[in-house]
Each structure stands twice: as C-alpha cells, then as structure tokens.
C-alpha cells in the first residue's frame, strides 16, 4: 500500500494536495522523482514558486527538519530553485498567467510570467494586469 505524501517529514496536507494536483499521489512516487523533478511538476501544474516550499521538500526527502538548511547549502538550493523557476516560466508554468493569456488580456509591456522587479517582487499581479495600473497607484 502506498504511503501518503504527507508521511514525508515537513510535508502536510497542503503539499499533499498540491502534489495530487500535479499527479504525484504517493510518498514513494515523490521519493523516486526526487526533489527537483517533483517540484518541477508542481510548477508545471500551476503552483506558484516559493523557495521555502522547495527547500522544505528537499529537507523532508532527506529526513531532515525544514530549518536545518543553512549557509552554503541554502545558497546552492536557491540556485537550483531559481533554475527550476526559470524553466517553469519558460514553459508557461503558472496557471493564472496561462488563464489570463487564454482570455486575451494583454500583459503590461516587458512583464511576462515570472518577470520580477529589481527588488525581486513579482512584476504583475492579477489586479495590476486587469487594471493596467501599477501596484499602489490610485485613481479610477
């Protein structure tokens, strides 16, 4: 009998549900895929990238507490995460962006899925895209 994804250390019901939406339904399957392929499948299924979720997954698959990731190891994981995120962006891996594209809503110039501002914040949000205004801008 297959073990639930939530039987992996650090992974709870939310991650289990996200993996199920991505087609990964057991801890054994996730272990066989490994953290990078498992996380890539989450992104391809439309989950928004989140570095902490990625390293929690990596630590959990190693049987380590989530907060055990520090220093150079965390920096290496960040580089791996950034590469996964870039690949998901190139593949159109974010569900909201794909749905808005399907509706024919234009993107603000220079702001494709996953583009970021200089401070690292997401460049386009649902409200920004639909209104055409910058976040925090006032007026009708």
C-alpha atoms as a PDB file:
ATOM      1  CA  UNK A   1       0.000   0.000   0.000  1.00  0.00           C
ATOM      2  CA  UNK A   2       1.289   3.448  -0.946  1.00  0.00           C
ATOM      3  CA  UNK A   3       2.140   5.983   1.736  1.00  0.00           C
ATOM      4  CA  UNK A   4       0.620   9.480   1.524  1.00  0.00           C
ATOM      5  CA  UNK A   5       2.862  12.371   0.509  1.00  0.00           C
ATOM      6  CA  UNK A   6       2.193  13.863   3.950  1.00  0.00           C
ATOM      7  CA  UNK A   7       4.070  10.936   5.526  1.00  0.00           C
ATOM      8  CA  UNK A   8       7.284  12.632   4.367  1.00  0.00           C
ATOM      9  CA  UNK A   9       8.794  14.832   7.049  1.00  0.00           C
ATOM     10  CA  UNK A  10       7.842  18.528   6.744  1.00  0.00           C
ATOM     11  CA  UNK A  11       5.051  17.911   4.207  1.00  0.00           C
ATOM     12  CA  UNK A  12       1.478  18.375   5.348  1.00  0.00           C
ATOM     13  CA  UNK A  13      -1.986  18.326   3.815  1.00  0.00           C
ATOM     14  CA  UNK A  14      -1.444  21.410   1.642  1.00  0.00           C
ATOM     15  CA  UNK A  15       1.649  19.992  -0.017  1.00  0.00           C
ATOM     16  CA  UNK A  16      -0.065  16.627  -0.357  1.00  0.00           C
ATOM     17  CA  UNK A  17      -2.982  18.303  -2.166  1.00  0.00           C
ATOM     18  CA  UNK A  18      -0.626  20.298  -4.394  1.00  0.00           C
ATOM     19  CA  UNK A  19       1.269  17.155  -5.368  1.00  0.00           C
ATOM     20  CA  UNK A  20      -2.003  15.348  -6.067  1.00  0.00           C
ATOM     21  CA  UNK A  21      -2.961  18.164  -8.486  1.00  0.00           C
ATOM     22  CA  UNK A  22       0.431  17.609 -10.112  1.00  0.00           C
ATOM     23  CA  UNK A  23      -0.250  13.875 -10.448  1.00  0.00           C
ATOM     24  CA  UNK A  24       2.068  12.723  -7.648  1.00  0.00           C
ATOM     25  CA  UNK A  25      -0.062  10.730  -5.243  1.00  0.00           C
ATOM     26  CA  UNK A  26       2.331   8.805  -3.018  1.00  0.00           C
ATOM     27  CA  UNK A  27       5.431   9.341  -0.932  1.00  0.00           C
ATOM     28  CA  UNK A  28       7.135   6.518  -2.825  1.00  0.00           C
ATOM     29  CA  UNK A  29       6.493   8.214  -6.161  1.00  0.00           C
ATOM     30  CA  UNK A  30       7.792  11.544  -4.857  1.00  0.00           C
ATOM     31  CA  UNK A  31      10.926   9.907  -3.437  1.00  0.00           C
ATOM     32  CA  UNK A  32      11.536   8.193  -6.799  1.00  0.00           C
ATOM     33  CA  UNK A  33      11.144  11.504  -8.659  1.00  0.00           C
ATOM     34  CA  UNK A  34      13.417  13.390  -6.292  1.00  0.00           C
ATOM     35  CA  UNK A  35      13.011  16.982  -5.140  1.00  0.00           C
ATOM     36  CA  UNK A  36      13.821  18.769  -8.397  1.00  0.00           C
ATOM     37  CA  UNK A  37      11.534  16.740 -10.654  1.00  0.00           C
ATOM     38  CA  UNK A  38       8.811  16.698  -8.001  1.00  0.00           C
ATOM     39  CA  UNK A  39       8.967  20.472  -7.629  1.00  0.00           C
ATOM     40  CA  UNK A  40       9.115  20.944 -11.410  1.00  0.00           C
ATOM     41  CA  UNK A  41       5.848  19.003 -11.637  1.00  0.00           C
ATOM     42  CA  UNK A  42       4.281  21.297  -9.036  1.00  0.00           C
ATOM     43  CA  UNK A  43       5.247  24.328 -11.107  1.00  0.00           C
ATOM     44  CA  UNK A  44       4.016  22.710 -14.324  1.00  0.00           C
ATOM     45  CA  UNK A  45       0.668  22.053 -12.597  1.00  0.00           C
ATOM     46  CA  UNK A  46       0.334  25.779 -11.881  1.00  0.00           C
ATOM     47  CA  UNK A  47       1.667  26.107  -8.343  1.00  0.00           C
ATOM     48  CA  UNK A  48       3.392  29.412  -7.713  1.00  0.00           C
ATOM     49  CA  UNK A  49       7.107  29.099  -7.000  1.00  0.00           C
ATOM     50  CA  UNK A  50       8.125  29.546  -3.385  1.00  0.00           C
ATOM     51  CA  UNK A  51      11.693  28.980  -2.236  1.00  0.00           C
ATOM     52  CA  UNK A  52      10.784  27.871   1.276  1.00  0.00           C
ATOM     53  CA  UNK A  53       8.418  25.214  -0.080  1.00  0.00           C
ATOM     54  CA  UNK A  54      11.229  23.939  -2.297  1.00  0.00           C
ATOM     55  CA  UNK A  55      13.819  23.623   0.440  1.00  0.00           C
ATOM     56  CA  UNK A  56      11.254  22.164   2.859  1.00  0.00           C
ATOM     57  CA  UNK A  57      10.709  19.449   0.243  1.00  0.00           C
ATOM     58  CA  UNK A  58      14.451  18.857  -0.162  1.00  0.00           C
ATOM     59  CA  UNK A  59      14.997  18.657   3.585  1.00  0.00           C
ATOM     60  CA  UNK A  60      11.964  16.398   4.049  1.00  0.00           C
ATOM     61  CA  UNK A  61      13.131  13.933   1.408  1.00  0.00           C
ATOM     62  CA  UNK A  62      16.446  13.776   3.282  1.00  0.00           C
ATOM     63  CA  UNK A  63      14.594  13.147   6.545  1.00  0.00           C
ATOM     64  CA  UNK A  64      15.824  16.453   7.982  1.00  0.00           C
ATOM     65  CA  UNK A  65      13.913  19.248   9.732  1.00  0.00           C
ATOM     66  CA  UNK A  66      12.965  22.078   7.380  1.00  0.00           C
ATOM     67  CA  UNK A  67      15.011  24.651   9.316  1.00  0.00           C
ATOM     68  CA  UNK A  68      18.202  22.587   9.038  1.00  0.00           C
ATOM     69  CA  UNK A  69      19.041  24.263   5.720  1.00  0.00           C
ATOM     70  CA  UNK A  70      21.629  26.995   6.253  1.00  0.00           C
ATOM     71  CA  UNK A  71      24.626  28.770   4.771  1.00  0.00           C
ATOM     72  CA  UNK A  72      26.210  27.463   1.588  1.00  0.00           C
ATOM     73  CA  UNK A  73      23.770  24.551   1.378  1.00  0.00           C
ATOM     74  CA  UNK A  74      20.867  27.031   1.329  1.00  0.00           C
ATOM     75  CA  UNK A  75      22.652  29.134  -1.296  1.00  0.00           C
ATOM     76  CA  UNK A  76      23.117  26.040  -3.515  1.00  0.00           C
ATOM     77  CA  UNK A  77      19.433  25.164  -3.088  1.00  0.00           C
ATOM     78  CA  UNK A  78      18.497  28.728  -4.015  1.00  0.00           C
ATOM     79  CA  UNK A  79      20.416  28.404  -7.285  1.00  0.00           C
ATOM     80  CA  UNK A  80      18.668  25.100  -8.039  1.00  0.00           C
ATOM     81  CA  UNK A  81      15.288  26.681  -7.188  1.00  0.00           C
ATOM     82  CA  UNK A  82      15.989  29.675  -9.437  1.00  0.00           C
ATOM     83  CA  UNK A  83      16.810  27.323 -12.326  1.00  0.00           C
ATOM     84  CA  UNK A  84      13.580  25.370 -11.758  1.00  0.00           C
ATOM     85  CA  UNK A  85      11.570  28.588 -11.587  1.00  0.00           C
ATOM     86  CA  UNK A  86      13.159  29.891 -14.781  1.00  0.00           C
ATOM     87  CA  UNK A  87      12.276  26.658 -16.549  1.00  0.00           C
ATOM     88  CA  UNK A  88       8.673  26.845 -15.348  1.00  0.00           C
ATOM     89  CA  UNK A  89       8.395  30.429 -16.530  1.00  0.00           C
ATOM     90  CA  UNK A  90       9.755  29.477 -19.948  1.00  0.00           C
ATOM     91  CA  UNK A  91       7.192  26.665 -20.127  1.00  0.00           C
ATOM     92  CA  UNK A  92       4.328  28.954 -19.034  1.00  0.00           C
ATOM     93  CA  UNK A  93       4.002  27.015 -15.804  1.00  0.00           C
ATOM     94  CA  UNK A  94       1.843  29.466 -13.870  1.00  0.00           C
ATOM     95  CA  UNK A  95      -1.857  28.717 -14.081  1.00  0.00           C
ATOM     96  CA  UNK A  96      -3.107  32.288 -13.594  1.00  0.00           C
ATOM     97  CA  UNK A  97      -0.898  33.680 -16.350  1.00  0.00           C
ATOM     98  CA  UNK A  98      -1.993  30.898 -18.717  1.00  0.00           C
ATOM     99  CA  UNK A  99      -5.659  31.547 -17.954  1.00  0.00           C
ATOM    100  CA  UNK A 100      -5.293  35.291 -18.463  1.00  0.00           C
ATOM    101  CA  UNK A 101      -3.440  34.669 -21.726  1.00  0.00           C
ATOM    102  CA  UNK A 102      -6.270  32.370 -22.865  1.00  0.00           C
ATOM    103  CA  UNK A 103      -8.728  35.197 -22.215  1.00  0.00           C
ATOM    104  CA  UNK A 104      -6.632  37.501 -24.371  1.00  0.00           C
ATOM    105  CA  UNK A 105      -5.833  40.005 -21.630  1.00  0.00           C
ATOM    106  CA  UNK A 106      -2.706  41.931 -22.625  1.00  0.00           C
ATOM    107  CA  UNK A 107       0.355  41.951 -20.439  1.00  0.00           C
ATOM    108  CA  UNK A 108       1.956  45.174 -19.445  1.00  0.00           C
ATOM    109  CA  UNK A 109       4.925  45.838 -21.690  1.00  0.00           C
ATOM    110  CA  UNK A 110       8.022  43.957 -20.513  1.00  0.00           C
ATOM    111  CA  UNK A 111       6.148  41.882 -17.966  1.00  0.00           C
ATOM    112  CA  UNK A 112       5.909  38.255 -18.897  1.00  0.00           C
ATOM    113  CA  UNK A 113       5.095  35.471 -16.463  1.00  0.00           C
ATOM    114  CA  UNK A 114       7.652  35.422 -13.701  1.00  0.00           C
ATOM    115  CA  UNK A 115       9.288  38.749 -14.524  1.00  0.00           C
ATOM    116  CA  UNK A 116      10.420  40.481 -11.392  1.00  0.00           C
ATOM    117  CA  UNK A 117      11.096  43.999 -10.329  1.00  0.00           C
ATOM    118  CA  UNK A 118      14.572  44.991  -9.128  1.00  0.00           C
ATOM    119  CA  UNK A 119      13.624  44.178  -5.521  1.00  0.00           C
ATOM    120  CA  UNK A 120      12.572  40.641  -6.537  1.00  0.00           C
ATOM    121  CA  UNK A 121       8.818  41.140  -6.189  1.00  0.00           C
ATOM    122  CA  UNK A 122       6.554  39.713  -8.858  1.00  0.00           C
ATOM    123  CA  UNK A 123       6.051  42.300 -11.551  1.00  0.00           C
ATOM    124  CA  UNK A 124       2.461  41.571 -12.495  1.00  0.00           C
ATOM    125  CA  UNK A 125      -0.360  40.660 -10.201  1.00  0.00           C
ATOM    126  CA  UNK A 126      -3.908  39.780 -11.148  1.00  0.00           C
ATOM    127  CA  UNK A 127      -5.142  43.240 -10.180  1.00  0.00           C
ATOM    128  CA  UNK A 128      -2.284  45.022 -11.927  1.00  0.00           C
ATOM    129  CA  UNK A 129      -2.773  43.114 -15.125  1.00  0.00           C
ATOM    130  CA  UNK A 130      -6.512  43.599 -15.239  1.00  0.00           C
ATOM    131  CA  UNK A 131      -6.488  47.284 -14.329  1.00  0.00           C
ATOM    132  CA  UNK A 132      -3.341  48.266 -16.205  1.00  0.00           C
ATOM    133  CA  UNK A 133      -2.206  50.291 -13.183  1.00  0.00           C
ATOM    134  CA  UNK A 134       0.930  49.875 -11.192  1.00  0.00           C
ATOM    135  CA  UNK A 135       0.512  48.321  -7.738  1.00  0.00           C
ATOM    136  CA  UNK A 136      -0.259  51.069  -5.245  1.00  0.00           C
ATOM    137  CA  UNK A 137      -1.403  53.523  -7.919  1.00  0.00           C
ATOM    138  CA  UNK A 138      -4.585  55.359  -7.056  1.00  0.00           C
ATOM    139  CA  UNK A 139      -7.387  56.749  -9.109  1.00  0.00           C
ATOM    140  CA  UNK A 140     -10.092  55.318 -11.348  1.00  0.00           C
END
